[in-house]
């Protein structure tokens, strides 16, 4: 990979890390760009070269998170709610529990839901399907988001395996 691209990714990731650290202490609206770049250890120009807003930093993080998931796991739409798929999702989410906790505490969970929806629609050929065919996938995404949200905001007391069993149990209520 081109060295400039690698450095640019490092700069973006530093800003992501800094933003999540700052989100633990205060709302996004109170975080200043000056404070963010200082915490990240990058120049102010680096922020504006890569992002327009602080929300763009979060969108970058979520897109990267889901892109890495997509690269690691093949989308299996025929069996999207299969036990193995849900378990790997909970395992993956667990590895980002601190960032997601900060996101949810900052009342920015809708951004995560939007990213999940986008991931599901773009990981498949659903972009060109009739609207009616998309509803079950949005239903799945919404249910999964809500379970993840409650799990993360409750402190992840259950293991990913326990969460997967609970998720499937809830489908039979």
C-alpha atoms as a PDB file:
ATOM      1  CA  UNK A   1       0.000   0.000   0.000  1.00  0.00           C
ATOM      2  CA  UNK A   2       1.141   3.547  -0.751  1.00  0.00           C
ATOM      3  CA  UNK A   3       2.848   5.079   2.305  1.00  0.00           C
ATOM      4  CA  UNK A   4       0.732   8.261   2.040  1.00  0.00           C
ATOM      5  CA  UNK A   5      -2.454   6.192   2.133  1.00  0.00           C
ATOM      6  CA  UNK A   6      -1.189   4.294   5.180  1.00  0.00           C
ATOM      7  CA  UNK A   7      -0.376   7.556   6.972  1.00  0.00           C
ATOM      8  CA  UNK A   8      -3.778   8.988   6.060  1.00  0.00           C
ATOM      9  CA  UNK A   9      -5.515   5.909   7.523  1.00  0.00           C
ATOM     10  CA  UNK A  10      -3.427   6.256  10.698  1.00  0.00           C
ATOM     11  CA  UNK A  11      -4.452   9.923  10.985  1.00  0.00           C
ATOM     12  CA  UNK A  12      -8.138   9.070  10.525  1.00  0.00           C
ATOM     13  CA  UNK A  13      -7.919   6.264  13.069  1.00  0.00           C
ATOM     14  CA  UNK A  14      -6.198   8.575  15.564  1.00  0.00           C
ATOM     15  CA  UNK A  15      -9.093  11.008  15.208  1.00  0.00           C
ATOM     16  CA  UNK A  16     -11.615   8.191  15.697  1.00  0.00           C
ATOM     17  CA  UNK A  17      -9.864   7.014  18.849  1.00  0.00           C
ATOM     18  CA  UNK A  18      -9.599  10.554  20.204  1.00  0.00           C
ATOM     19  CA  UNK A  19     -13.247  11.290  19.490  1.00  0.00           C
ATOM     20  CA  UNK A  20     -14.435   8.205  21.353  1.00  0.00           C
ATOM     21  CA  UNK A  21     -12.229   9.066  24.327  1.00  0.00           C
ATOM     22  CA  UNK A  22     -13.700  12.587  24.384  1.00  0.00           C
ATOM     23  CA  UNK A  23     -17.261  11.217  23.999  1.00  0.00           C
ATOM     24  CA  UNK A  24     -16.824   9.377  27.282  1.00  0.00           C
ATOM     25  CA  UNK A  25     -16.480  12.750  29.016  1.00  0.00           C
ATOM     26  CA  UNK A  26     -18.864  15.052  27.178  1.00  0.00           C
ATOM     27  CA  UNK A  27     -21.516  15.259  24.446  1.00  0.00           C
ATOM     28  CA  UNK A  28     -20.473  15.526  20.809  1.00  0.00           C
ATOM     29  CA  UNK A  29     -21.873  19.063  20.620  1.00  0.00           C
ATOM     30  CA  UNK A  30     -19.394  20.227  23.286  1.00  0.00           C
ATOM     31  CA  UNK A  31     -16.320  18.703  21.645  1.00  0.00           C
ATOM     32  CA  UNK A  32     -14.372  21.296  19.682  1.00  0.00           C
ATOM     33  CA  UNK A  33     -12.320  20.437  16.588  1.00  0.00           C
ATOM     34  CA  UNK A  34      -9.295  22.038  18.257  1.00  0.00           C
ATOM     35  CA  UNK A  35      -9.697  19.695  21.211  1.00  0.00           C
ATOM     36  CA  UNK A  36     -10.191  16.660  18.968  1.00  0.00           C
ATOM     37  CA  UNK A  37      -7.061  17.219  16.871  1.00  0.00           C
ATOM     38  CA  UNK A  38      -4.988  17.930  19.974  1.00  0.00           C
ATOM     39  CA  UNK A  39      -6.149  14.680  21.554  1.00  0.00           C
ATOM     40  CA  UNK A  40      -5.448  12.823  18.290  1.00  0.00           C
ATOM     41  CA  UNK A  41      -2.018  14.416  17.935  1.00  0.00           C
ATOM     42  CA  UNK A  42      -2.692  15.614  14.392  1.00  0.00           C
ATOM     43  CA  UNK A  43      -2.847  18.971  12.657  1.00  0.00           C
ATOM     44  CA  UNK A  44      -6.145  20.801  12.341  1.00  0.00           C
ATOM     45  CA  UNK A  45      -5.698  20.746   8.550  1.00  0.00           C
ATOM     46  CA  UNK A  46      -5.648  16.927   8.718  1.00  0.00           C
ATOM     47  CA  UNK A  47      -9.146  16.970  10.164  1.00  0.00           C
ATOM     48  CA  UNK A  48     -10.526  19.179   7.409  1.00  0.00           C
ATOM     49  CA  UNK A  49      -8.669  17.281   4.701  1.00  0.00           C
ATOM     50  CA  UNK A  50     -10.493  14.102   5.782  1.00  0.00           C
ATOM     51  CA  UNK A  51     -13.765  15.190   7.374  1.00  0.00           C
ATOM     52  CA  UNK A  52     -16.279  18.004   7.243  1.00  0.00           C
ATOM     53  CA  UNK A  53     -17.887  17.364  10.645  1.00  0.00           C
ATOM     54  CA  UNK A  54     -17.334  15.392  13.836  1.00  0.00           C
ATOM     55  CA  UNK A  55     -20.228  13.178  12.741  1.00  0.00           C
ATOM     56  CA  UNK A  56     -18.183  12.281   9.652  1.00  0.00           C
ATOM     57  CA  UNK A  57     -15.535  10.811  11.969  1.00  0.00           C
ATOM     58  CA  UNK A  58     -18.181   8.509  13.455  1.00  0.00           C
ATOM     59  CA  UNK A  59     -19.507   7.597  10.012  1.00  0.00           C
ATOM     60  CA  UNK A  60     -15.947   6.767   8.930  1.00  0.00           C
ATOM     61  CA  UNK A  61     -15.555   4.512  11.996  1.00  0.00           C
ATOM     62  CA  UNK A  62     -18.856   2.721  11.371  1.00  0.00           C
ATOM     63  CA  UNK A  63     -18.164   2.271   7.663  1.00  0.00           C
ATOM     64  CA  UNK A  64     -14.706   0.894   8.446  1.00  0.00           C
ATOM     65  CA  UNK A  65     -16.136  -1.415  11.100  1.00  0.00           C
ATOM     66  CA  UNK A  66     -18.707  -2.845   8.696  1.00  0.00           C
ATOM     67  CA  UNK A  67     -16.297  -3.000   5.762  1.00  0.00           C
ATOM     68  CA  UNK A  68     -13.905  -5.069   7.856  1.00  0.00           C
ATOM     69  CA  UNK A  69     -16.811  -7.309   8.871  1.00  0.00           C
ATOM     70  CA  UNK A  70     -17.793  -7.714   5.208  1.00  0.00           C
ATOM     71  CA  UNK A  71     -14.205  -8.578   4.257  1.00  0.00           C
ATOM     72  CA  UNK A  72     -13.924 -11.107   7.073  1.00  0.00           C
ATOM     73  CA  UNK A  73     -17.304 -12.773   6.569  1.00  0.00           C
ATOM     74  CA  UNK A  74     -19.210 -13.489   3.404  1.00  0.00           C
ATOM     75  CA  UNK A  75     -22.812 -12.292   3.478  1.00  0.00           C
ATOM     76  CA  UNK A  76     -25.086 -15.326   3.549  1.00  0.00           C
ATOM     77  CA  UNK A  77     -28.465 -13.824   2.781  1.00  0.00           C
ATOM     78  CA  UNK A  78     -30.205 -17.131   2.377  1.00  0.00           C
ATOM     79  CA  UNK A  79     -29.369 -17.819   6.018  1.00  0.00           C
ATOM     80  CA  UNK A  80     -28.881 -14.323   7.449  1.00  0.00           C
ATOM     81  CA  UNK A  81     -30.445 -15.210  10.796  1.00  0.00           C
ATOM     82  CA  UNK A  82     -28.640 -18.542  11.139  1.00  0.00           C
ATOM     83  CA  UNK A  83     -27.099 -19.242  14.544  1.00  0.00           C
ATOM     84  CA  UNK A  84     -23.487 -19.093  13.260  1.00  0.00           C
ATOM     85  CA  UNK A  85     -24.068 -15.717  11.558  1.00  0.00           C
ATOM     86  CA  UNK A  86     -25.653 -14.167  14.639  1.00  0.00           C
ATOM     87  CA  UNK A  87     -22.925 -15.570  16.920  1.00  0.00           C
ATOM     88  CA  UNK A  88     -20.140 -14.140  14.778  1.00  0.00           C
ATOM     89  CA  UNK A  89     -21.964 -10.795  14.765  1.00  0.00           C
ATOM     90  CA  UNK A  90     -22.134 -10.738  18.572  1.00  0.00           C
ATOM     91  CA  UNK A  91     -18.454 -11.738  18.791  1.00  0.00           C
ATOM     92  CA  UNK A  92     -17.504  -8.964  16.373  1.00  0.00           C
ATOM     93  CA  UNK A  93     -19.630  -6.354  18.123  1.00  0.00           C
ATOM     94  CA  UNK A  94     -18.147  -7.390  21.471  1.00  0.00           C
ATOM     95  CA  UNK A  95     -14.684  -6.443  20.218  1.00  0.00           C
ATOM     96  CA  UNK A  96     -15.991  -2.867  19.712  1.00  0.00           C
ATOM     97  CA  UNK A  97     -18.051  -2.655  22.900  1.00  0.00           C
ATOM     98  CA  UNK A  98     -16.227   0.395  24.279  1.00  0.00           C
ATOM     99  CA  UNK A  99     -16.711   2.464  21.117  1.00  0.00           C
ATOM    100  CA  UNK A 100     -20.351   1.422  20.822  1.00  0.00           C
ATOM    101  CA  UNK A 101     -20.953   2.188  24.503  1.00  0.00           C
ATOM    102  CA  UNK A 102     -19.630   5.718  23.910  1.00  0.00           C
ATOM    103  CA  UNK A 103     -21.767   6.062  20.788  1.00  0.00           C
ATOM    104  CA  UNK A 104     -24.922   4.948  22.603  1.00  0.00           C
ATOM    105  CA  UNK A 105     -24.225   7.113  25.668  1.00  0.00           C
ATOM    106  CA  UNK A 106     -23.863  10.088  23.343  1.00  0.00           C
ATOM    107  CA  UNK A 107     -27.353   9.318  21.951  1.00  0.00           C
ATOM    108  CA  UNK A 108     -25.853   8.587  18.518  1.00  0.00           C
ATOM    109  CA  UNK A 109     -27.142   5.025  18.180  1.00  0.00           C
ATOM    110  CA  UNK A 110     -29.208   5.946  15.120  1.00  0.00           C
ATOM    111  CA  UNK A 111     -25.938   6.295  13.222  1.00  0.00           C
ATOM    112  CA  UNK A 112     -25.121   2.664  14.055  1.00  0.00           C
ATOM    113  CA  UNK A 113     -28.584   1.505  12.979  1.00  0.00           C
ATOM    114  CA  UNK A 114     -28.250   3.430   9.712  1.00  0.00           C
ATOM    115  CA  UNK A 115     -24.874   1.776   9.107  1.00  0.00           C
ATOM    116  CA  UNK A 116     -26.307  -1.701   9.781  1.00  0.00           C
ATOM    117  CA  UNK A 117     -29.196  -1.054   7.400  1.00  0.00           C
ATOM    118  CA  UNK A 118     -26.822   0.231   4.723  1.00  0.00           C
ATOM    119  CA  UNK A 119     -24.558  -2.782   5.227  1.00  0.00           C
ATOM    120  CA  UNK A 120     -27.403  -5.257   4.790  1.00  0.00           C
ATOM    121  CA  UNK A 121     -28.843  -3.553   1.719  1.00  0.00           C
ATOM    122  CA  UNK A 122     -25.482  -3.012  -0.011  1.00  0.00           C
ATOM    123  CA  UNK A 123     -24.096  -6.450   0.902  1.00  0.00           C
ATOM    124  CA  UNK A 124     -26.821  -7.955  -1.177  1.00  0.00           C
ATOM    125  CA  UNK A 125     -28.600  -7.286  -4.405  1.00  0.00           C
ATOM    126  CA  UNK A 126     -31.454  -5.644  -2.519  1.00  0.00           C
ATOM    127  CA  UNK A 127     -30.800  -2.163  -3.933  1.00  0.00           C
ATOM    128  CA  UNK A 128     -32.711  -3.112  -7.074  1.00  0.00           C
ATOM    129  CA  UNK A 129     -35.394  -5.245  -5.451  1.00  0.00           C
ATOM    130  CA  UNK A 130     -38.967  -4.196  -4.841  1.00  0.00           C
ATOM    131  CA  UNK A 131     -39.547  -2.403  -1.563  1.00  0.00           C
ATOM    132  CA  UNK A 132     -41.690  -5.241  -0.217  1.00  0.00           C
ATOM    133  CA  UNK A 133     -38.783  -7.687  -0.470  1.00  0.00           C
ATOM    134  CA  UNK A 134     -36.566  -5.423   1.682  1.00  0.00           C
ATOM    135  CA  UNK A 135     -38.819  -5.310   4.773  1.00  0.00           C
ATOM    136  CA  UNK A 136     -37.722  -8.628   6.320  1.00  0.00           C
ATOM    137  CA  UNK A 137     -34.091  -7.502   6.120  1.00  0.00           C
ATOM    138  CA  UNK A 138     -34.857  -4.175   7.797  1.00  0.00           C
ATOM    139  CA  UNK A 139     -36.818  -6.089  10.424  1.00  0.00           C
ATOM    140  CA  UNK A 140     -33.830  -8.335  11.077  1.00  0.00           C
ATOM    141  CA  UNK A 141     -31.461  -5.345  11.231  1.00  0.00           C
ATOM    142  CA  UNK A 142     -33.740  -3.478  13.641  1.00  0.00           C
ATOM    143  CA  UNK A 143     -34.157  -6.455  15.942  1.00  0.00           C
ATOM    144  CA  UNK A 144     -30.434  -7.129  15.960  1.00  0.00           C
ATOM    145  CA  UNK A 145     -29.669  -3.447  16.597  1.00  0.00           C
ATOM    146  CA  UNK A 146     -32.035  -3.320  19.572  1.00  0.00           C
ATOM    147  CA  UNK A 147     -30.578  -6.454  21.125  1.00  0.00           C
ATOM    148  CA  UNK A 148     -27.032  -5.119  20.601  1.00  0.00           C
ATOM    149  CA  UNK A 149     -28.045  -1.731  22.016  1.00  0.00           C
ATOM    150  CA  UNK A 150     -29.533  -3.231  25.180  1.00  0.00           C
ATOM    151  CA  UNK A 151     -26.608  -5.637  25.604  1.00  0.00           C
ATOM    152  CA  UNK A 152     -23.948  -2.925  25.214  1.00  0.00           C
ATOM    153  CA  UNK A 153     -25.722  -0.359  27.395  1.00  0.00           C
ATOM    154  CA  UNK A 154     -26.303  -3.012  30.067  1.00  0.00           C
ATOM    155  CA  UNK A 155     -22.571  -3.644  30.311  1.00  0.00           C
ATOM    156  CA  UNK A 156     -22.193  -6.817  28.200  1.00  0.00           C
ATOM    157  CA  UNK A 157     -22.751  -9.070  31.206  1.00  0.00           C
ATOM    158  CA  UNK A 158     -23.619 -11.991  28.942  1.00  0.00           C
ATOM    159  CA  UNK A 159     -21.176 -13.664  26.577  1.00  0.00           C
ATOM    160  CA  UNK A 160     -21.708 -13.519  22.811  1.00  0.00           C
ATOM    161  CA  UNK A 161     -22.780 -17.178  22.988  1.00  0.00           C
ATOM    162  CA  UNK A 162     -25.409 -16.414  25.656  1.00  0.00           C
ATOM    163  CA  UNK A 163     -26.619 -13.457  23.603  1.00  0.00           C
ATOM    164  CA  UNK A 164     -27.046 -15.631  20.529  1.00  0.00           C
ATOM    165  CA  UNK A 165     -29.132 -18.159  22.460  1.00  0.00           C
ATOM    166  CA  UNK A 166     -31.205 -15.334  23.969  1.00  0.00           C
ATOM    167  CA  UNK A 167     -31.696 -13.783  20.519  1.00  0.00           C
ATOM    168  CA  UNK A 168     -33.081 -17.027  19.097  1.00  0.00           C
ATOM    169  CA  UNK A 169     -35.195 -17.626  22.186  1.00  0.00           C
ATOM    170  CA  UNK A 170     -36.760 -14.174  21.748  1.00  0.00           C
ATOM    171  CA  UNK A 171     -37.799 -15.050  18.192  1.00  0.00           C
ATOM    172  CA  UNK A 172     -40.146 -17.678  19.602  1.00  0.00           C
ATOM    173  CA  UNK A 173     -41.987 -15.423  22.087  1.00  0.00           C
END
